[in-house]
Amino acid sequence: MAKLTIRQQNAMLEAIRQIRELEVAKREVTKAIGEQQQIIKDMMTCKQVEVLELGEYTVRYTTVTTSRFDSAAFKKTHAELYAQYTVPSTSKRFSIS
């Protein structure tokens, strides 16, 4: 492992501190967004409205049905076939603990 200079260490520590502060702010903003969305969803549900035109905004709260592949069940019932079509992938993971 390469050694970092004191200046590099200090720069990294400052970057890590900023990341932590931004992560806290992101969680707070995400929570506030979710709360406001829930207010709108509750109002639309109460009024039984799926599409609402408000000024320049169109708000949709609609029921959507999708079909998804159940890979866990497929793996359980067709393990050999599942293994045949499983391909490894490599990526890098960044974390701060």
PDB file of N, CA and C in Angstrom:
ATOM      1  N   MET A   1       0.836  -1.163   0.000  1.00  0.00           N
ATOM      2  CA  MET A   1       0.000   0.000   0.000  1.00  0.00           C
ATOM      3  C   MET A   1       0.892   1.241   0.000  1.00  0.00           C
ATOM      4  N   ALA A   2       0.563   2.197  -0.849  1.00  0.00           N
ATOM      5  CA  ALA A   2       1.358   3.416  -0.957  1.00  0.00           C
ATOM      6  C   ALA A   2       1.122   4.306   0.254  1.00  0.00           C
ATOM      7  N   LYS A   3       2.164   4.989   0.668  1.00  0.00           N
ATOM      8  CA  LYS A   3       2.073   5.929   1.789  1.00  0.00           C
ATOM      9  C   LYS A   3       1.539   7.254   1.283  1.00  0.00           C
ATOM     10  N   LEU A   4       0.710   7.880   2.098  1.00  0.00           N
ATOM     11  CA  LEU A   4       0.182   9.193   1.763  1.00  0.00           C
ATOM     12  C   LEU A   4       0.949  10.247   2.545  1.00  0.00           C
ATOM     13  N   THR A   5       1.156  11.375   1.902  1.00  0.00           N
ATOM     14  CA  THR A   5       1.797  12.483   2.613  1.00  0.00           C
ATOM     15  C   THR A   5       0.799  13.053   3.617  1.00  0.00           C
ATOM     16  N   ILE A   6       1.282  13.833   4.549  1.00  0.00           N
ATOM     17  CA  ILE A   6       0.411  14.480   5.535  1.00  0.00           C
ATOM     18  C   ILE A   6      -0.631  15.330   4.818  1.00  0.00           C
ATOM     19  N   ARG A   7      -0.219  16.040   3.804  1.00  0.00           N
ATOM     20  CA  ARG A   7      -1.144  16.886   3.029  1.00  0.00           C
ATOM     21  C   ARG A   7      -2.231  16.033   2.374  1.00  0.00           C
ATOM     22  N   GLN A   8      -1.838  14.903   1.795  1.00  0.00           N
ATOM     23  CA  GLN A   8      -2.805  14.005   1.166  1.00  0.00           C
ATOM     24  C   GLN A   8      -3.758  13.410   2.202  1.00  0.00           C
ATOM     25  N   GLN A   9      -3.213  13.030   3.348  1.00  0.00           N
ATOM     26  CA  GLN A   9      -4.043  12.500   4.418  1.00  0.00           C
ATOM     27  C   GLN A   9      -5.071  13.531   4.873  1.00  0.00           C
ATOM     28  N   ASN A  10      -4.624  14.757   5.052  1.00  0.00           N
ATOM     29  CA  ASN A  10      -5.535  15.826   5.480  1.00  0.00           C
ATOM     30  C   ASN A  10      -6.607  16.096   4.425  1.00  0.00           C
ATOM     31  N   ALA A  11      -6.212  16.070   3.153  1.00  0.00           N
ATOM     32  CA  ALA A  11      -7.175  16.284   2.066  1.00  0.00           C
ATOM     33  C   ALA A  11      -8.209  15.162   2.051  1.00  0.00           C
ATOM     34  N   MET A  12      -7.762  13.930   2.256  1.00  0.00           N
ATOM     35  CA  MET A  12      -8.690  12.799   2.270  1.00  0.00           C
ATOM     36  C   MET A  12      -9.618  12.872   3.472  1.00  0.00           C
ATOM     37  N   LEU A  13      -9.073  13.210   4.637  1.00  0.00           N
ATOM     38  CA  LEU A  13      -9.910  13.343   5.827  1.00  0.00           C
ATOM     39  C   LEU A  13     -10.979  14.408   5.629  1.00  0.00           C
ATOM     40  N   GLU A  14     -10.615  15.526   5.025  1.00  0.00           N
ATOM     41  CA  GLU A  14     -11.591  16.588   4.768  1.00  0.00           C
ATOM     42  C   GLU A  14     -12.652  16.110   3.781  1.00  0.00           C
ATOM     43  N   ALA A  15     -12.233  15.383   2.763  1.00  0.00           N
ATOM     44  CA  ALA A  15     -13.193  14.848   1.790  1.00  0.00           C
ATOM     45  C   ALA A  15     -14.142  13.865   2.470  1.00  0.00           C
ATOM     46  N   ILE A  16     -13.617  13.019   3.343  1.00  0.00           N
ATOM     47  CA  ILE A  16     -14.456  12.053   4.061  1.00  0.00           C
ATOM     48  C   ILE A  16     -15.458  12.779   4.958  1.00  0.00           C
ATOM     49  N   ARG A  17     -14.990  13.811   5.670  1.00  0.00           N
ATOM     50  CA  ARG A  17     -15.898  14.590   6.531  1.00  0.00           C
ATOM     51  C   ARG A  17     -17.019  15.228   5.705  1.00  0.00           C
ATOM     52  N   GLN A  18     -16.655  15.767   4.542  1.00  0.00           N
ATOM     53  CA  GLN A  18     -17.666  16.386   3.675  1.00  0.00           C
ATOM     54  C   GLN A  18     -18.653  15.345   3.176  1.00  0.00           C
ATOM     55  N   ILE A  19     -18.165  14.175   2.811  1.00  0.00           N
ATOM     56  CA  ILE A  19     -19.051  13.096   2.362  1.00  0.00           C
ATOM     57  C   ILE A  19     -20.034  12.747   3.463  1.00  0.00           C
ATOM     58  N   ARG A  20     -19.548  12.583   4.690  1.00  0.00           N
ATOM     59  CA  ARG A  20     -20.421  12.248   5.824  1.00  0.00           C
ATOM     60  C   ARG A  20     -21.488  13.316   6.029  1.00  0.00           C
ATOM     61  N   GLU A  21     -21.090  14.588   5.985  1.00  0.00           N
ATOM     62  CA  GLU A  21     -22.054  15.681   6.156  1.00  0.00           C
ATOM     63  C   GLU A  21     -23.096  15.670   5.041  1.00  0.00           C
ATOM     64  N   LEU A  22     -22.650  15.440   3.824  1.00  0.00           N
ATOM     65  CA  LEU A  22     -23.575  15.397   2.688  1.00  0.00           C
ATOM     66  C   LEU A  22     -24.508  14.197   2.782  1.00  0.00           C
ATOM     67  N   GLU A  23     -24.008  13.068   3.283  1.00  0.00           N
ATOM     68  CA  GLU A  23     -24.863  11.893   3.456  1.00  0.00           C
ATOM     69  C   GLU A  23     -25.973  12.182   4.457  1.00  0.00           C
ATOM     70  N   VAL A  24     -25.649  12.887   5.547  1.00  0.00           N
ATOM     71  CA  VAL A  24     -26.662  13.257   6.537  1.00  0.00           C
ATOM     72  C   VAL A  24     -27.687  14.185   5.895  1.00  0.00           C
ATOM     73  N   ALA A  25     -27.201  15.191   5.168  1.00  0.00           N
ATOM     74  CA  ALA A  25     -28.112  16.125   4.500  1.00  0.00           C
ATOM     75  C   ALA A  25     -28.990  15.396   3.490  1.00  0.00           C
ATOM     76  N   LYS A  26     -28.417  14.445   2.757  1.00  0.00           N
ATOM     77  CA  LYS A  26     -29.177  13.671   1.767  1.00  0.00           C
ATOM     78  C   LYS A  26     -30.295  12.888   2.444  1.00  0.00           C
ATOM     79  N   ARG A  27     -29.983  12.252   3.590  1.00  0.00           N
ATOM     80  CA  ARG A  27     -31.018  11.502   4.311  1.00  0.00           C
ATOM     81  C   ARG A  27     -32.140  12.425   4.765  1.00  0.00           C
ATOM     82  N   GLU A  28     -31.783  13.613   5.240  1.00  0.00           N
ATOM     83  CA  GLU A  28     -32.797  14.565   5.696  1.00  0.00           C
ATOM     84  C   GLU A  28     -33.672  15.037   4.543  1.00  0.00           C
ATOM     85  N   VAL A  29     -33.054  15.347   3.414  1.00  0.00           N
ATOM     86  CA  VAL A  29     -33.808  15.793   2.240  1.00  0.00           C
ATOM     87  C   VAL A  29     -34.679  14.665   1.707  1.00  0.00           C
ATOM     88  N   THR A  30     -34.140  13.448   1.655  1.00  0.00           N
ATOM     89  CA  THR A  30     -34.913  12.293   1.188  1.00  0.00           C
ATOM     90  C   THR A  30     -36.121  12.069   2.081  1.00  0.00           C
ATOM     91  N   LYS A  31     -35.935  12.211   3.388  1.00  0.00           N
ATOM     92  CA  LYS A  31     -37.046  12.051   4.323  1.00  0.00           C
ATOM     93  C   LYS A  31     -38.101  13.138   4.097  1.00  0.00           C
ATOM     94  N   ALA A  32     -37.663  14.386   3.920  1.00  0.00           N
ATOM     95  CA  ALA A  32     -38.602  15.492   3.691  1.00  0.00           C
ATOM     96  C   ALA A  32     -39.370  15.298   2.390  1.00  0.00           C
ATOM     97  N   ILE A  33     -38.692  14.838   1.353  1.00  0.00           N
ATOM     98  CA  ILE A  33     -39.362  14.569   0.075  1.00  0.00           C
ATOM     99  C   ILE A  33     -40.416  13.484   0.268  1.00  0.00           C
ATOM    100  N   GLY A  34     -40.049  12.417   0.949  1.00  0.00           N
ATOM    101  CA  GLY A  34     -40.990  11.327   1.196  1.00  0.00           C
ATOM    102  C   GLY A  34     -42.214  11.787   1.969  1.00  0.00           C
ATOM    103  N   GLU A  35     -42.008  12.650   2.950  1.00  0.00           N
ATOM    104  CA  GLU A  35     -43.134  13.172   3.733  1.00  0.00           C
ATOM    105  C   GLU A  35     -44.081  13.987   2.859  1.00  0.00           C
ATOM    106  N   GLN A  36     -43.528  14.841   1.996  1.00  0.00           N
ATOM    107  CA  GLN A  36     -44.366  15.649   1.113  1.00  0.00           C
ATOM    108  C   GLN A  36     -45.089  14.780   0.090  1.00  0.00           C
ATOM    109  N   GLN A  37     -44.400  13.778  -0.416  1.00  0.00           N
ATOM    110  CA  GLN A  37     -45.040  12.850  -1.358  1.00  0.00           C
ATOM    111  C   GLN A  37     -46.195  12.123  -0.688  1.00  0.00           C
ATOM    112  N   GLN A  38     -46.010  11.729   0.567  1.00  0.00           N
ATOM    113  CA  GLN A  38     -47.063  11.017   1.282  1.00  0.00           C
ATOM    114  C   GLN A  38     -48.290  11.896   1.483  1.00  0.00           C
ATOM    115  N   ILE A  39     -48.084  13.178   1.746  1.00  0.00           N
ATOM    116  CA  ILE A  39     -49.214  14.109   1.879  1.00  0.00           C
ATOM    117  C   ILE A  39     -50.034  14.129   0.591  1.00  0.00           C
ATOM    118  N   ILE A  40     -49.331  14.233  -0.534  1.00  0.00           N
ATOM    119  CA  ILE A  40     -50.016  14.269  -1.835  1.00  0.00           C
ATOM    120  C   ILE A  40     -50.719  12.947  -2.103  1.00  0.00           C
ATOM    121  N   LYS A  41     -50.041  11.831  -1.847  1.00  0.00           N
ATOM    122  CA  LYS A  41     -50.642  10.511  -2.066  1.00  0.00           C
ATOM    123  C   LYS A  41     -51.891  10.326  -1.219  1.00  0.00           C
ATOM    124  N   ASP A  42     -51.817  10.744   0.048  1.00  0.00           N
ATOM    125  CA  ASP A  42     -52.978  10.619   0.931  1.00  0.00           C
ATOM    126  C   ASP A  42     -54.157  11.433   0.418  1.00  0.00           C
ATOM    127  N   MET A  43     -53.889  12.661  -0.042  1.00  0.00           N
ATOM    128  CA  MET A  43     -54.961  13.508  -0.579  1.00  0.00           C
ATOM    129  C   MET A  43     -55.581  12.882  -1.817  1.00  0.00           C
ATOM    130  N   MET A  44     -54.727  12.380  -2.704  1.00  0.00           N
ATOM    131  CA  MET A  44     -55.231  11.789  -3.948  1.00  0.00           C
ATOM    132  C   MET A  44     -56.012  10.511  -3.658  1.00  0.00           C
ATOM    133  N   THR A  45     -55.547   9.716  -2.717  1.00  0.00           N
ATOM    134  CA  THR A  45     -56.252   8.494  -2.344  1.00  0.00           C
ATOM    135  C   THR A  45     -57.605   8.832  -1.739  1.00  0.00           C
ATOM    136  N   CYS A  46     -57.621   9.811  -0.854  1.00  0.00           N
ATOM    137  CA  CYS A  46     -58.861  10.229  -0.194  1.00  0.00           C
ATOM    138  C   CYS A  46     -59.896  10.687  -1.224  1.00  0.00           C
ATOM    139  N   LYS A  47     -59.444  11.403  -2.241  1.00  0.00           N
ATOM    140  CA  LYS A  47     -60.345  11.924  -3.277  1.00  0.00           C
ATOM    141  C   LYS A  47     -60.534  10.948  -4.429  1.00  0.00           C
ATOM    142  N   GLN A  48     -59.866   9.782  -4.355  1.00  0.00           N
ATOM    143  CA  GLN A  48     -59.929   8.752  -5.397  1.00  0.00           C
ATOM    144  C   GLN A  48     -59.552   9.314  -6.765  1.00  0.00           C
ATOM    145  N   VAL A  49     -58.429  10.033  -6.788  1.00  0.00           N
ATOM    146  CA  VAL A  49     -57.925  10.649  -8.012  1.00  0.00           C
ATOM    147  C   VAL A  49     -56.562  10.040  -8.330  1.00  0.00           C
ATOM    148  N   GLU A  50     -56.375   9.607  -9.582  1.00  0.00           N
ATOM    149  CA  GLU A  50     -55.087   9.048  -9.984  1.00  0.00           C
ATOM    150  C   GLU A  50     -54.238  10.050 -10.758  1.00  0.00           C
ATOM    151  N   VAL A  51     -54.870  11.002 -11.428  1.00  0.00           N
ATOM    152  CA  VAL A  51     -54.146  12.023 -12.182  1.00  0.00           C
ATOM    153  C   VAL A  51     -54.727  13.371 -11.801  1.00  0.00           C
ATOM    154  N   LEU A  52     -53.835  14.303 -11.511  1.00  0.00           N
ATOM    155  CA  LEU A  52     -54.271  15.613 -11.060  1.00  0.00           C
ATOM    156  C   LEU A  52     -53.469  16.689 -11.771  1.00  0.00           C
ATOM    157  N   GLU A  53     -54.154  17.630 -12.393  1.00  0.00           N
ATOM    158  CA  GLU A  53     -53.506  18.762 -13.062  1.00  0.00           C
ATOM    159  C   GLU A  53     -53.521  19.937 -12.089  1.00  0.00           C
ATOM    160  N   LEU A  54     -52.349  20.432 -11.742  1.00  0.00           N
ATOM    161  CA  LEU A  54     -52.223  21.577 -10.832  1.00  0.00           C
ATOM    162  C   LEU A  54     -51.247  22.572 -11.439  1.00  0.00           C
ATOM    163  N   GLY A  55     -51.761  23.665 -11.981  1.00  0.00           N
ATOM    164  CA  GLY A  55     -50.879  24.647 -12.610  1.00  0.00           C
ATOM    165  C   GLY A  55     -50.066  24.001 -13.701  1.00  0.00           C
ATOM    166  N   GLU A  56     -48.756  24.159 -13.624  1.00  0.00           N
ATOM    167  CA  GLU A  56     -47.879  23.573 -14.647  1.00  0.00           C
ATOM    168  C   GLU A  56     -47.501  22.125 -14.355  1.00  0.00           C
ATOM    169  N   TYR A  57     -48.078  21.563 -13.286  1.00  0.00           N
ATOM    170  CA  TYR A  57     -47.728  20.210 -12.866  1.00  0.00           C
ATOM    171  C   TYR A  57     -48.850  19.216 -13.145  1.00  0.00           C
ATOM    172  N   THR A  58     -48.450  18.009 -13.516  1.00  0.00           N
ATOM    173  CA  THR A  58     -49.364  16.881 -13.606  1.00  0.00           C
ATOM    174  C   THR A  58     -48.852  15.850 -12.612  1.00  0.00           C
ATOM    175  N   VAL A  59     -49.689  15.510 -11.650  1.00  0.00           N
ATOM    176  CA  VAL A  59     -49.318  14.546 -10.619  1.00  0.00           C
ATOM    177  C   VAL A  59     -50.066  13.256 -10.894  1.00  0.00           C
ATOM    178  N   ARG A  60     -49.332  12.144 -10.899  1.00  0.00           N
ATOM    179  CA  ARG A  60     -49.937  10.840 -11.129  1.00  0.00           C
ATOM    180  C   ARG A  60     -49.623   9.941  -9.937  1.00  0.00           C
ATOM    181  N   TYR A  61     -50.650   9.280  -9.453  1.00  0.00           N
ATOM    182  CA  TYR A  61     -50.489   8.257  -8.417  1.00  0.00           C
ATOM    183  C   TYR A  61     -51.364   7.099  -8.857  1.00  0.00           C
ATOM    184  N   THR A  62     -50.783   6.268  -9.707  1.00  0.00           N
ATOM    185  CA  THR A  62     -51.544   5.229 -10.385  1.00  0.00           C
ATOM    186  C   THR A  62     -51.086   3.834  -9.978  1.00  0.00           C
ATOM    187  N   THR A  63     -51.965   2.893 -10.157  1.00  0.00           N
ATOM    188  CA  THR A  63     -51.647   1.496  -9.923  1.00  0.00           C
ATOM    189  C   THR A  63     -50.966   0.941 -11.156  1.00  0.00           C
ATOM    190  N   VAL A  64     -49.837   0.278 -10.950  1.00  0.00           N
ATOM    191  CA  VAL A  64     -49.074  -0.289 -12.050  1.00  0.00           C
ATOM    192  C   VAL A  64     -48.854  -1.766 -11.763  1.00  0.00           C
ATOM    193  N   THR A  65     -49.108  -2.609 -12.739  1.00  0.00           N
ATOM    194  CA  THR A  65     -48.877  -4.039 -12.596  1.00  0.00           C
ATOM    195  C   THR A  65     -47.726  -4.438 -13.502  1.00  0.00           C
ATOM    196  N   THR A  66     -46.752  -5.132 -12.932  1.00  0.00           N
ATOM    197  CA  THR A  66     -45.602  -5.592 -13.710  1.00  0.00           C
ATOM    198  C   THR A  66     -45.411  -7.088 -13.485  1.00  0.00           C
ATOM    199  N   SER A  67     -44.717  -7.700 -14.412  1.00  0.00           N
ATOM    200  CA  SER A  67     -44.343  -9.109 -14.266  1.00  0.00           C
ATOM    201  C   SER A  67     -42.838  -9.165 -14.068  1.00  0.00           C
ATOM    202  N   ARG A  68     -42.428  -9.862 -13.027  1.00  0.00           N
ATOM    203  CA  ARG A  68     -41.006  -9.971 -12.738  1.00  0.00           C
ATOM    204  C   ARG A  68     -40.607 -11.436 -12.674  1.00  0.00           C
ATOM    205  N   PHE A  69     -39.381 -11.682 -13.062  1.00  0.00           N
ATOM    206  CA  PHE A  69     -38.851 -13.041 -13.040  1.00  0.00           C
ATOM    207  C   PHE A  69     -38.410 -13.365 -11.624  1.00  0.00           C
ATOM    208  N   ASP A  70     -38.903 -14.461 -11.067  1.00  0.00           N
ATOM    209  CA  ASP A  70     -38.559 -14.895  -9.714  1.00  0.00           C
ATOM    210  C   ASP A  70     -37.327 -15.791  -9.795  1.00  0.00           C
ATOM    211  N   SER A  71     -36.150 -15.162  -9.757  1.00  0.00           N
ATOM    212  CA  SER A  71     -34.911 -15.923  -9.922  1.00  0.00           C
ATOM    213  C   SER A  71     -34.663 -16.861  -8.751  1.00  0.00           C
ATOM    214  N   ALA A  72     -35.093 -16.497  -7.547  1.00  0.00           N
ATOM    215  CA  ALA A  72     -34.889 -17.380  -6.394  1.00  0.00           C
ATOM    216  C   ALA A  72     -35.671 -18.676  -6.558  1.00  0.00           C
ATOM    217  N   ALA A  73     -36.914 -18.580  -6.993  1.00  0.00           N
ATOM    218  CA  ALA A  73     -37.735 -19.781  -7.203  1.00  0.00           C
ATOM    219  C   ALA A  73     -37.175 -20.602  -8.363  1.00  0.00           C
ATOM    220  N   PHE A  74     -36.742 -19.921  -9.424  1.00  0.00           N
ATOM    221  CA  PHE A  74     -36.160 -20.625 -10.566  1.00  0.00           C
ATOM    222  C   PHE A  74     -34.900 -21.373 -10.143  1.00  0.00           C
ATOM    223  N   LYS A  75     -34.062 -20.727  -9.357  1.00  0.00           N
ATOM    224  CA  LYS A  75     -32.830 -21.355  -8.872  1.00  0.00           C
ATOM    225  C   LYS A  75     -33.144 -22.582  -8.026  1.00  0.00           C
ATOM    226  N   LYS A  76     -34.188 -22.468  -7.224  1.00  0.00           N
ATOM    227  CA  LYS A  76     -34.573 -23.569  -6.352  1.00  0.00           C
ATOM    228  C   LYS A  76     -35.067 -24.781  -7.142  1.00  0.00           C
ATOM    229  N   THR A  77     -35.842 -24.542  -8.188  1.00  0.00           N
ATOM    230  CA  THR A  77     -36.432 -25.645  -8.941  1.00  0.00           C
ATOM    231  C   THR A  77     -35.591 -26.100 -10.138  1.00  0.00           C
ATOM    232  N   HIS A  78     -34.691 -25.213 -10.613  1.00  0.00           N
ATOM    233  CA  HIS A  78     -33.867 -25.538 -11.785  1.00  0.00           C
ATOM    234  C   HIS A  78     -32.417 -25.112 -11.521  1.00  0.00           C
ATOM    235  N   ALA A  79     -31.816 -25.669 -10.497  1.00  0.00           N
ATOM    236  CA  ALA A  79     -30.482 -25.242 -10.059  1.00  0.00           C
ATOM    237  C   ALA A  79     -29.427 -25.361 -11.160  1.00  0.00           C
ATOM    238  N   GLU A  80     -29.440 -26.479 -11.907  1.00  0.00           N
ATOM    239  CA  GLU A  80     -28.429 -26.681 -12.948  1.00  0.00           C
ATOM    240  C   GLU A  80     -28.589 -25.668 -14.080  1.00  0.00           C
ATOM    241  N   LEU A  81     -29.804 -25.451 -14.503  1.00  0.00           N
ATOM    242  CA  LEU A  81     -30.062 -24.483 -15.568  1.00  0.00           C
ATOM    243  C   LEU A  81     -29.716 -23.071 -15.102  1.00  0.00           C
ATOM    244  N   TYR A  82     -30.047 -22.768 -13.877  1.00  0.00           N
ATOM    245  CA  TYR A  82     -29.711 -21.458 -13.303  1.00  0.00           C
ATOM    246  C   TYR A  82     -28.193 -21.263 -13.324  1.00  0.00           C
ATOM    247  N   ALA A  83     -27.447 -22.266 -12.884  1.00  0.00           N
ATOM    248  CA  ALA A  83     -25.983 -22.185 -12.853  1.00  0.00           C
ATOM    249  C   ALA A  83     -25.413 -22.029 -14.259  1.00  0.00           C
ATOM    250  N   GLN A  84     -26.054 -22.670 -15.222  1.00  0.00           N
ATOM    251  CA  GLN A  84     -25.591 -22.608 -16.611  1.00  0.00           C
ATOM    252  C   GLN A  84     -25.663 -21.181 -17.156  1.00  0.00           C
ATOM    253  N   TYR A  85     -26.635 -20.403 -16.726  1.00  0.00           N
ATOM    254  CA  TYR A  85     -26.836 -19.059 -17.254  1.00  0.00           C
ATOM    255  C   TYR A  85     -26.401 -17.957 -16.285  1.00  0.00           C
ATOM    256  N   THR A  86     -25.757 -18.347 -15.205  1.00  0.00           N
ATOM    257  CA  THR A  86     -25.241 -17.358 -14.269  1.00  0.00           C
ATOM    258  C   THR A  86     -23.820 -16.995 -14.683  1.00  0.00           C
ATOM    259  N   VAL A  87     -23.571 -15.709 -14.810  1.00  0.00           N
ATOM    260  CA  VAL A  87     -22.235 -15.254 -15.196  1.00  0.00           C
ATOM    261  C   VAL A  87     -21.663 -14.359 -14.085  1.00  0.00           C
ATOM    262  N   PRO A  88     -20.391 -14.528 -13.782  1.00  0.00           N
ATOM    263  CA  PRO A  88     -19.783 -13.688 -12.750  1.00  0.00           C
ATOM    264  C   PRO A  88     -19.547 -12.270 -13.281  1.00  0.00           C
ATOM    265  N   SER A  89     -19.622 -11.334 -12.399  1.00  0.00           N
ATOM    266  CA  SER A  89     -19.293  -9.961 -12.789  1.00  0.00           C
ATOM    267  C   SER A  89     -18.376  -9.382 -11.723  1.00  0.00           C
ATOM    268  N   THR A  90     -17.523  -8.502 -12.151  1.00  0.00           N
ATOM    269  CA  THR A  90     -16.552  -7.880 -11.264  1.00  0.00           C
ATOM    270  C   THR A  90     -16.809  -6.386 -11.243  1.00  0.00           C
ATOM    271  N   SER A  91     -16.763  -5.821 -10.048  1.00  0.00           N
ATOM    272  CA  SER A  91     -16.917  -4.382  -9.916  1.00  0.00           C
ATOM    273  C   SER A  91     -16.117  -3.921  -8.716  1.00  0.00           C
ATOM    274  N   LYS A  92     -16.015  -2.630  -8.561  1.00  0.00           N
ATOM    275  CA  LYS A  92     -15.337  -2.074  -7.398  1.00  0.00           C
ATOM    276  C   LYS A  92     -16.390  -1.465  -6.491  1.00  0.00           C
ATOM    277  N   ARG A  93     -16.168  -1.600  -5.197  1.00  0.00           N
ATOM    278  CA  ARG A  93     -17.107  -1.060  -4.222  1.00  0.00           C
ATOM    279  C   ARG A  93     -16.365  -0.029  -3.374  1.00  0.00           C
ATOM    280  N   PHE A  94     -16.984   1.145  -3.209  1.00  0.00           N
ATOM    281  CA  PHE A  94     -16.426   2.211  -2.393  1.00  0.00           C
ATOM    282  C   PHE A  94     -17.228   2.307  -1.111  1.00  0.00           C
ATOM    283  N   SER A  95     -16.547   2.309   0.041  1.00  0.00           N
ATOM    284  CA  SER A  95     -17.248   2.473   1.297  1.00  0.00           C
ATOM    285  C   SER A  95     -16.358   3.182   2.296  1.00  0.00           C
ATOM    286  N   ILE A  96     -17.002   3.842   3.223  1.00  0.00           N
ATOM    287  CA  ILE A  96     -16.300   4.505   4.315  1.00  0.00           C
ATOM    288  C   ILE A  96     -16.933   3.977   5.579  1.00  0.00           C
ATOM    289  N   SER A  97     -16.102   3.446   6.493  1.00  0.00           N
ATOM    290  CA  SER A  97     -16.659   2.954   7.753  1.00  0.00           C
ATOM    291  C   SER A  97     -15.934   3.552   8.940  1.00  0.00           C
TER     292      SER A  97
END
